[in-house]
């Protein structure tokens, strides 16, 4: 039921006042907090922003909204130490009677400012940018806690208490219910899980799987194993080495060279052989990405693969790409070629021979050479070296198949009249 004089804001219907009050009391801010208060005047042609107040503080637990006129809509967005895209945090009210004034703890620093819409948009984008690493890290936490599988085994929605019980049983440690709730609430706000809130007890809030979270299910309730699991890619992208190298990007600009090399004192290809766990995570994450990509490649390049009898996958990792190619084109003899520390981890694959070596020194002979996501790692000089070795390894009518990312230069779009 809408409050008297209410109007929608960008399609959002104002909830009942009692619900907003309980919502504000139930959500306590964690860590650095920001409250952005919009004052929007109702006009015949729509809403107009008449004031924006930004409150910054470390312990803003709850707030009361002040509406001085009957024709005001107030939207309150609490931004926790998460992200501006926290969907349930947008509360739109339309009221006929004023409420008590905003109450901010003495420990909070208050900054009121009038802001232009474009300035505010830039500020919100800033929050979205600087807090965005929380998204994959929160998803990583959920996956490490096996939450997607816990929900999948339930064959539907499951409460916080039930999820906690499963975590406790598998880890022999009872989880912190409050932090578990905050983790899932945050992920649900980004459409990673679905959420059915409980008005009385947050422990009874229920969560279910949605498209994205289903990608991390290892086994369903009826024992079905998904064709593709994206856990390795997530764990690889959120590993400490992925973040550590990026802390040195500015040094690469000032001095040249790879940021990873500056962080670890050597290239990744020298680092991985001496760090088995890093090597394992990298190989698994690359295989995960390869399986998804190659399912399309074998269809798109059908005519090309039909004419090939032997194929070398240079830098083929543990052979994931070739395993899909030879499964679809059984007449192809595959050679998986990579560095020794990679090949030692490769399992036997029917129709594929694993060969170790250095592509800058030698590439096994075949009708065609496959370079998937290889050349973008190297400068022009090294790319020419690799392509020369490919030329040496192929017959006169041989092929070099390159699958890599392209940067398309932006060109002026022509209008119909210009054409």
Protein backbone atom coordinates (compact mmCIF):
# COMPACT_ATOMS: atom_id res chain seq x y z
CA UNK A 1 0.00 0.00 0.00
CA UNK A 2 1.39 3.40 -0.98
CA UNK A 3 1.52 6.33 1.42
CA UNK A 4 -0.64 9.36 0.74
CA UNK A 5 0.82 11.67 -1.90
CA UNK A 6 3.39 9.10 -2.95
CA UNK A 7 4.93 8.85 -6.39
CA UNK A 8 7.40 6.46 -7.90
CA UNK A 9 11.07 7.32 -8.41
CA UNK A 10 12.51 5.70 -11.54
CA UNK A 11 9.86 3.03 -11.32
CA UNK A 12 10.30 2.30 -7.61
CA UNK A 13 7.13 2.27 -5.53
CA UNK A 14 7.50 3.80 -2.05
CA UNK A 15 7.13 1.10 0.62
CA UNK A 16 4.98 1.58 3.73
CA UNK A 17 6.53 3.82 6.37
CA UNK A 18 6.61 1.11 9.03
CA UNK A 19 8.60 -1.13 6.72
CA UNK A 20 11.17 1.61 6.13
CA UNK A 21 11.58 2.24 9.85
CA UNK A 22 12.15 -1.44 10.56
CA UNK A 23 14.48 -1.66 7.60
CA UNK A 24 16.59 1.21 8.93
CA UNK A 25 16.79 -0.32 12.38
CA UNK A 26 17.67 -3.77 11.03
CA UNK A 27 20.58 -2.66 8.81
CA UNK A 28 23.53 -1.49 10.84
CA UNK A 29 26.52 0.00 9.11
CA UNK A 30 29.78 -1.91 9.19
CA UNK A 31 33.06 -0.02 9.00
CA UNK A 32 33.31 3.23 7.01
CA UNK A 33 29.84 4.49 6.15
CA UNK A 34 28.26 7.13 4.01
CA UNK A 35 24.69 8.34 4.01
CA UNK A 36 23.50 10.17 0.94
CA UNK A 37 20.20 11.98 1.41
CA UNK A 38 18.32 13.15 -1.68
CA UNK A 39 15.57 15.73 -1.39
CA UNK A 40 13.38 15.66 -4.45
CA UNK A 41 10.57 18.11 -5.06
CA UNK A 42 7.41 16.82 -6.69
CA UNK A 43 6.43 18.88 -9.68
CA UNK A 44 3.72 18.43 -12.34
CA UNK A 45 6.30 17.17 -14.84
CA UNK A 46 8.16 14.92 -12.41
CA UNK A 47 10.74 15.03 -9.63
CA UNK A 48 13.45 17.66 -9.25
CA UNK A 49 16.49 17.40 -7.02
CA UNK A 50 16.46 20.29 -4.56
CA UNK A 51 19.13 19.14 -2.14
CA UNK A 52 21.74 16.46 -1.63
CA UNK A 53 23.36 15.92 1.74
CA UNK A 54 26.30 13.58 2.23
CA UNK A 55 27.03 12.32 5.75
CA UNK A 56 30.34 10.58 6.37
CA UNK A 57 31.05 8.65 9.55
CA UNK A 58 32.39 5.43 11.00
CA UNK A 59 29.51 4.34 13.22
CA UNK A 60 26.22 5.45 11.68
CA UNK A 61 23.88 2.76 12.92
CA UNK A 62 20.49 4.20 12.01
CA UNK A 63 18.91 7.46 10.94
CA UNK A 64 15.54 9.20 10.94
CA UNK A 65 14.34 11.04 7.90
CA UNK A 66 13.13 14.59 8.01
CA UNK A 67 10.54 15.75 5.50
CA UNK A 68 9.74 19.39 5.99
CA UNK A 69 7.09 19.64 3.29
CA UNK A 70 4.28 17.40 2.19
CA UNK A 71 5.51 17.46 -1.39
CA UNK A 72 8.94 15.95 -0.75
CA UNK A 73 10.29 12.52 -1.53
CA UNK A 74 13.37 11.44 0.36
CA UNK A 75 15.68 8.65 -0.76
CA UNK A 76 18.26 7.41 1.71
CA UNK A 77 21.18 5.33 0.51
CA UNK A 78 23.46 3.87 3.20
CA UNK A 79 26.72 2.81 1.59
CA UNK A 80 28.52 0.30 3.78
CA UNK A 81 32.00 -1.02 3.22
CA UNK A 82 30.56 -2.82 0.21
CA UNK A 83 29.27 -1.09 -2.89
CA UNK A 84 26.81 1.50 -4.18
CA UNK A 85 25.00 -1.22 -6.12
CA UNK A 86 23.58 -2.67 -2.91
CA UNK A 87 20.04 -2.76 -4.30
CA UNK A 88 17.98 -3.22 -1.09
CA UNK A 89 19.62 -0.13 0.41
CA UNK A 90 17.63 2.25 -1.80
CA UNK A 91 14.58 3.28 0.18
CA UNK A 92 12.16 5.76 -1.31
CA UNK A 93 9.59 7.41 0.96
CA UNK A 94 6.70 9.69 0.32
CA UNK A 95 5.13 11.03 3.49
CA UNK A 96 2.41 13.41 4.53
CA UNK A 97 3.77 14.12 8.02
CA UNK A 98 7.31 15.06 9.09
CA UNK A 99 9.49 12.71 11.13
CA UNK A 100 12.07 13.54 13.80
CA UNK A 101 15.24 15.15 12.42
CA UNK A 102 18.22 13.12 11.28
CA UNK A 103 20.23 11.85 14.22
CA UNK A 104 23.95 11.33 13.66
CA UNK A 105 26.32 10.02 16.38
CA UNK A 106 28.78 12.59 17.77
CA UNK A 107 31.64 10.45 16.52
CA UNK A 108 30.52 10.91 12.94
CA UNK A 109 31.88 13.65 10.73
CA UNK A 110 29.03 15.43 8.95
CA UNK A 111 29.54 17.06 5.59
CA UNK A 112 26.53 18.67 3.95
CA UNK A 113 26.88 19.81 0.39
CA UNK A 114 24.72 20.73 -2.50
CA UNK A 115 25.73 18.70 -5.54
CA UNK A 116 24.89 18.80 -9.19
CA UNK A 117 23.46 15.55 -10.60
CA UNK A 118 26.53 14.94 -12.78
CA UNK A 119 28.83 15.49 -9.78
CA UNK A 120 26.84 13.05 -7.69
CA UNK A 121 26.91 10.50 -10.50
CA UNK A 122 30.70 10.75 -10.63
CA UNK A 123 30.87 10.28 -6.86
CA UNK A 124 28.67 7.21 -7.01
CA UNK A 125 30.79 5.78 -9.84
CA UNK A 126 33.85 6.41 -7.67
CA UNK A 127 32.36 4.37 -4.83
CA UNK A 128 31.46 1.64 -7.30
CA UNK A 129 35.02 1.61 -8.64
CA UNK A 130 37.06 1.70 -5.44
CA UNK A 131 34.83 -0.79 -3.62
CA UNK A 132 34.41 -3.17 -6.56
CA UNK A 133 37.13 -5.65 -5.39
CA UNK A 134 34.71 -6.61 -2.60
CA UNK A 135 32.51 -8.40 -5.14
CA UNK A 136 34.86 -11.19 -6.33
CA UNK A 137 36.38 -11.53 -2.85
CA UNK A 138 32.94 -12.00 -1.28
CA UNK A 139 32.08 -14.54 -3.96
CA UNK A 140 35.37 -16.31 -3.28
CA UNK A 141 34.46 -16.53 0.41
CA UNK A 142 31.05 -18.02 -0.43
CA UNK A 143 32.64 -20.61 -2.73
CA UNK A 144 35.31 -21.56 -0.17
CA UNK A 145 32.48 -22.04 2.36
CA UNK A 146 30.78 -24.30 -0.22
CA UNK A 147 27.59 -22.23 -0.06
CA UNK A 148 26.50 -22.76 -3.71
CA UNK A 149 26.59 -26.54 -3.18
CA UNK A 150 24.84 -26.27 0.20
CA UNK A 151 21.96 -24.41 -1.43
CA UNK A 152 21.95 -26.73 -4.46
CA UNK A 153 21.64 -29.79 -2.23
CA UNK A 154 18.57 -28.22 -0.60
CA UNK A 155 16.78 -28.08 -3.99
CA UNK A 156 15.35 -24.64 -3.28
CA UNK A 157 15.60 -21.81 -0.80
CA UNK A 158 17.42 -22.36 2.49
CA UNK A 159 17.67 -20.20 5.65
CA UNK A 160 20.78 -18.62 7.13
CA UNK A 161 20.53 -21.00 10.11
CA UNK A 162 20.41 -24.03 7.80
CA UNK A 163 23.39 -22.81 5.76
CA UNK A 164 25.32 -22.22 9.00
CA UNK A 165 24.53 -25.75 10.18
CA UNK A 166 25.99 -27.24 6.99
CA UNK A 167 29.13 -25.09 7.26
CA UNK A 168 29.56 -26.11 10.89
CA UNK A 169 29.18 -29.80 10.04
CA UNK A 170 31.79 -29.69 7.29
CA UNK A 171 34.34 -27.48 9.07
CA UNK A 172 33.79 -28.49 12.73
CA UNK A 173 33.57 -24.78 13.50
CA UNK A 174 30.30 -22.89 14.02
CA UNK A 175 30.27 -19.84 11.71
CA UNK A 176 29.43 -16.32 12.83
CA UNK A 177 25.78 -15.98 11.84
CA UNK A 178 25.91 -12.19 11.54
CA UNK A 179 28.86 -12.20 9.16
CA UNK A 180 27.36 -15.04 7.15
CA UNK A 181 24.19 -12.98 6.77
CA UNK A 182 26.12 -9.88 5.71
CA UNK A 183 28.10 -11.88 3.17
CA UNK A 184 25.00 -13.40 1.56
CA UNK A 185 23.03 -10.17 1.74
CA UNK A 186 25.82 -8.39 -0.13
CA UNK A 187 26.04 -11.09 -2.80
CA UNK A 188 22.27 -11.13 -3.20
CA UNK A 189 22.33 -7.37 -3.78
CA UNK A 190 24.52 -8.05 -6.83
CA UNK A 191 22.17 -10.73 -8.16
CA UNK A 192 24.57 -13.56 -7.31
CA UNK A 193 22.05 -15.23 -5.00
CA UNK A 194 18.33 -14.65 -4.59
CA UNK A 195 17.04 -13.49 -1.23
CA UNK A 196 13.70 -13.77 0.60
CA UNK A 197 14.01 -11.47 3.66
CA UNK A 198 12.35 -12.29 6.97
CA UNK A 199 10.80 -9.31 8.75
CA UNK A 200 11.24 -10.63 12.31
CA UNK A 201 14.44 -12.69 12.39
CA UNK A 202 17.33 -12.30 9.96
CA UNK A 203 18.35 -15.91 10.69
CA UNK A 204 15.24 -16.98 8.83
CA UNK A 205 16.18 -15.01 5.70
CA UNK A 206 16.25 -17.52 2.87
CA UNK A 207 18.64 -17.71 -0.05
CA UNK A 208 18.50 -19.52 -3.38
CA UNK A 209 20.64 -19.99 -6.46
CA UNK A 210 20.42 -17.82 -9.54
CA UNK A 211 22.16 -17.97 -12.93
CA UNK A 212 25.55 -16.73 -11.73
CA UNK A 213 25.76 -18.73 -8.49
CA UNK A 214 24.76 -21.90 -10.37
CA UNK A 215 28.09 -21.65 -12.21
CA UNK A 216 29.84 -22.60 -8.95
CA UNK A 217 27.82 -25.71 -8.12
CA UNK A 218 29.93 -28.87 -8.17
CA UNK A 219 27.03 -31.31 -7.81
CA UNK A 220 23.25 -30.92 -7.69
CA UNK A 221 20.86 -32.61 -5.24
CA UNK A 222 20.17 -35.43 -7.71
CA UNK A 223 23.86 -36.08 -8.28
CA UNK A 224 24.19 -34.25 -11.61
CA UNK A 225 27.66 -32.78 -12.20
CA UNK A 226 27.55 -29.59 -14.33
CA UNK A 227 29.39 -29.65 -17.65
CA UNK A 228 31.41 -26.58 -16.66
CA UNK A 229 32.48 -25.35 -13.24
CA UNK A 230 33.96 -21.89 -12.87
CA UNK A 231 35.51 -22.22 -9.41
CA UNK A 232 39.13 -22.52 -10.68
CA UNK A 233 38.82 -19.30 -12.68
CA UNK A 234 37.42 -17.44 -9.67
CA UNK A 235 40.12 -18.72 -7.31
CA UNK A 236 42.84 -17.91 -9.82
CA UNK A 237 41.59 -14.36 -10.44
CA UNK A 238 41.29 -13.65 -6.69
CA UNK A 239 44.59 -15.22 -5.63
CA UNK A 240 47.18 -13.10 -3.87
CA UNK A 241 49.54 -13.12 -6.86
CA UNK A 242 46.85 -11.60 -9.06
CA UNK A 243 46.48 -8.63 -6.73
CA UNK A 244 50.12 -8.28 -5.74
CA UNK A 245 51.32 -7.60 -9.27
CA UNK A 246 48.71 -4.89 -9.84
CA UNK A 247 50.09 -2.89 -6.94
CA UNK A 248 53.10 -2.14 -9.13
CA UNK A 249 51.31 -0.96 -12.27
CA UNK A 250 52.48 2.62 -11.75
CA UNK A 251 56.09 1.40 -11.73
CA UNK A 252 55.54 -0.22 -15.11
CA UNK A 253 54.42 3.13 -16.48
CA UNK A 254 57.43 4.95 -15.00
CA UNK A 255 60.08 2.35 -15.76
CA UNK A 256 58.60 -0.06 -18.29
CA UNK A 257 58.43 -3.78 -17.78
CA UNK A 258 55.81 -6.16 -16.40
CA UNK A 259 54.17 -5.32 -13.06
CA UNK A 260 54.36 -8.98 -11.96
CA UNK A 261 58.11 -9.01 -12.53
CA UNK A 262 58.50 -5.96 -10.31
CA UNK A 263 56.38 -7.47 -7.53
CA UNK A 264 58.11 -10.87 -7.45
CA UNK A 265 61.53 -10.14 -8.93
CA UNK A 266 61.01 -12.55 -11.84
CA UNK A 267 58.57 -13.34 -14.62
CA UNK A 268 55.51 -15.46 -13.92
CA UNK A 269 56.94 -18.21 -16.14
CA UNK A 270 60.00 -18.38 -13.88
CA UNK A 271 57.95 -18.02 -10.69
CA UNK A 272 55.40 -20.78 -11.38
CA UNK A 273 57.83 -23.77 -11.63
CA UNK A 274 59.12 -23.06 -8.13
CA UNK A 275 55.67 -22.58 -6.61
CA UNK A 276 53.59 -25.73 -7.18
CA UNK A 277 50.38 -24.34 -5.67
CA UNK A 278 50.53 -21.24 -7.87
CA UNK A 279 51.24 -23.43 -10.88
CA UNK A 280 48.25 -25.65 -10.02
CA UNK A 281 45.84 -22.73 -9.59
CA UNK A 282 47.00 -21.13 -12.85
CA UNK A 283 46.69 -24.34 -14.87
CA UNK A 284 43.22 -25.08 -13.49
CA UNK A 285 41.96 -21.54 -14.09
CA UNK A 286 43.27 -21.55 -17.66
CA UNK A 287 41.65 -24.93 -18.28
CA UNK A 288 38.36 -23.57 -16.97
CA UNK A 289 38.47 -20.62 -19.36
CA UNK A 290 39.60 -22.85 -22.24
CA UNK A 291 36.74 -25.33 -21.88
CA UNK A 292 34.18 -22.54 -22.11
CA UNK A 293 35.86 -20.88 -25.09
CA UNK A 294 36.63 -23.99 -27.12
CA UNK A 295 33.04 -25.19 -27.11
CA UNK A 296 32.39 -22.28 -29.50
CA UNK A 297 35.66 -22.51 -31.44
CA UNK A 298 35.12 -26.12 -32.56
CA UNK A 299 31.83 -25.05 -34.12
CA UNK A 300 32.97 -21.76 -35.66
CA UNK A 301 36.10 -23.24 -37.27
CA UNK A 302 34.47 -26.51 -38.35
CA UNK A 303 35.61 -26.35 -41.99
CA UNK A 304 39.17 -25.59 -40.94
CA UNK A 305 39.47 -28.49 -38.49
CA UNK A 306 38.06 -30.93 -41.05
CA UNK A 307 41.07 -30.30 -43.31
CA UNK A 308 43.68 -30.78 -40.57
CA UNK A 309 45.23 -34.19 -39.77
CA UNK A 310 47.76 -33.07 -37.13
CA UNK A 311 47.70 -30.08 -34.80
CA UNK A 312 50.16 -28.67 -32.23
CA UNK A 313 48.70 -26.55 -29.45
CA UNK A 314 51.57 -24.26 -28.44
CA UNK A 315 51.31 -23.25 -24.79
CA UNK A 316 48.42 -25.70 -24.49
CA UNK A 317 48.69 -26.09 -20.72
CA UNK A 318 47.43 -29.49 -19.57
CA UNK A 319 45.73 -30.16 -22.91
CA UNK A 320 42.22 -28.86 -22.30
CA UNK A 321 41.82 -27.25 -25.73
CA UNK A 322 43.15 -30.25 -27.66
CA UNK A 323 40.97 -32.66 -25.71
CA UNK A 324 37.88 -30.82 -26.99
CA UNK A 325 39.23 -30.57 -30.55
CA UNK A 326 40.11 -34.26 -30.90
CA UNK A 327 36.83 -35.27 -29.27
CA UNK A 328 34.93 -33.40 -31.99
CA UNK A 329 37.36 -34.22 -34.82
CA UNK A 330 38.68 -37.69 -34.11
CA UNK A 331 40.83 -37.78 -37.27
CA UNK A 332 43.16 -35.11 -35.81
CA UNK A 333 46.36 -36.20 -34.12
CA UNK A 334 47.02 -33.70 -31.34
CA UNK A 335 50.32 -32.61 -29.80
CA UNK A 336 50.08 -30.59 -26.59
CA UNK A 337 53.23 -28.49 -26.28
CA UNK A 338 54.18 -26.50 -23.17
CA UNK A 339 56.95 -25.91 -20.63
CA UNK A 340 58.19 -28.93 -18.63
CA UNK A 341 56.67 -27.84 -15.30
CA UNK A 342 53.26 -27.62 -17.00
CA UNK A 343 53.43 -30.88 -18.96
CA UNK A 344 54.36 -32.83 -15.84
CA UNK A 345 50.88 -32.04 -14.48
CA UNK A 346 49.04 -33.08 -17.67
CA UNK A 347 46.93 -36.23 -17.53
CA UNK A 348 46.78 -38.72 -20.43
CA UNK A 349 44.28 -37.73 -23.17
CA UNK A 350 43.17 -40.08 -25.93
CA UNK A 351 44.45 -38.84 -29.29
CA UNK A 352 46.85 -36.32 -27.71
CA UNK A 353 50.59 -36.56 -27.10
CA UNK A 354 52.14 -34.31 -24.45
CA UNK A 355 55.49 -32.79 -25.40
CA UNK A 356 57.57 -30.42 -23.26
CA UNK A 357 59.82 -27.69 -24.62
CA UNK A 358 60.34 -23.98 -25.22
CA UNK A 359 58.44 -22.38 -28.11
CA UNK A 360 61.25 -19.86 -28.66
CA UNK A 361 63.63 -22.75 -29.40
CA UNK A 362 61.54 -25.44 -31.05
CA UNK A 363 57.95 -26.37 -31.99
CA UNK A 364 56.97 -29.93 -33.04
CA UNK A 365 55.99 -30.42 -36.69
CA UNK A 366 52.33 -30.67 -37.74
CA UNK A 367 49.85 -29.63 -40.44
CA UNK A 368 48.76 -26.71 -38.29
CA UNK A 369 49.89 -24.78 -35.22
CA UNK A 370 47.35 -23.49 -32.71
CA UNK A 371 48.21 -20.35 -30.70
CA UNK A 372 45.41 -19.66 -28.23
CA UNK A 373 45.89 -16.57 -26.05
CA UNK A 374 49.67 -16.72 -26.46
CA UNK A 375 50.89 -13.77 -28.53
CA UNK A 376 49.31 -11.06 -26.36
CA UNK A 377 51.78 -11.99 -23.60
CA UNK A 378 54.80 -10.97 -25.62
CA UNK A 379 56.23 -7.92 -27.39
CA UNK A 380 56.51 -7.67 -31.17
CA UNK A 381 60.05 -9.03 -31.28
CA UNK A 382 59.18 -12.18 -29.33
CA UNK A 383 55.99 -12.68 -31.32
CA UNK A 384 58.02 -12.68 -34.54
CA UNK A 385 60.34 -15.31 -33.03
CA UNK A 386 57.40 -17.58 -32.17
CA UNK A 387 55.82 -17.14 -35.60
CA UNK A 388 59.12 -18.02 -37.29
CA UNK A 389 59.27 -21.26 -35.28
CA UNK A 390 55.69 -21.96 -36.36
CA UNK A 391 56.72 -21.46 -39.98
CA UNK A 392 59.59 -23.92 -39.54
CA UNK A 393 57.25 -26.51 -37.99
CA UNK A 394 54.61 -26.48 -40.73
CA UNK A 395 54.65 -27.75 -44.35
CA UNK A 396 54.33 -25.44 -47.36
CA UNK A 397 50.54 -25.51 -47.20
CA UNK A 398 50.47 -25.49 -43.39
CA UNK A 399 48.41 -23.23 -41.17
CA UNK A 400 48.95 -21.13 -38.07
CA UNK A 401 45.65 -20.66 -36.25
CA UNK A 402 45.74 -17.67 -33.89
CA UNK A 403 43.03 -17.20 -31.30
CA UNK A 404 43.62 -14.04 -29.31
CA UNK A 405 42.13 -10.77 -28.09
CA UNK A 406 42.00 -7.82 -30.48
CA UNK A 407 41.83 -4.13 -29.71
CA UNK A 408 39.66 -2.50 -32.34
CA UNK A 409 40.44 1.14 -33.00
CA UNK A 410 37.44 3.42 -32.67
CA UNK A 411 36.51 4.96 -35.99
CA UNK A 412 34.08 7.72 -36.70
CA UNK A 413 30.63 6.24 -37.13
CA UNK A 414 29.03 7.32 -40.38
CA UNK A 415 25.44 8.39 -40.37
CA UNK A 416 23.01 7.21 -43.03
CA UNK A 417 23.33 10.54 -44.81
CA UNK A 418 27.14 10.32 -44.86
CA UNK A 419 26.92 6.83 -46.34
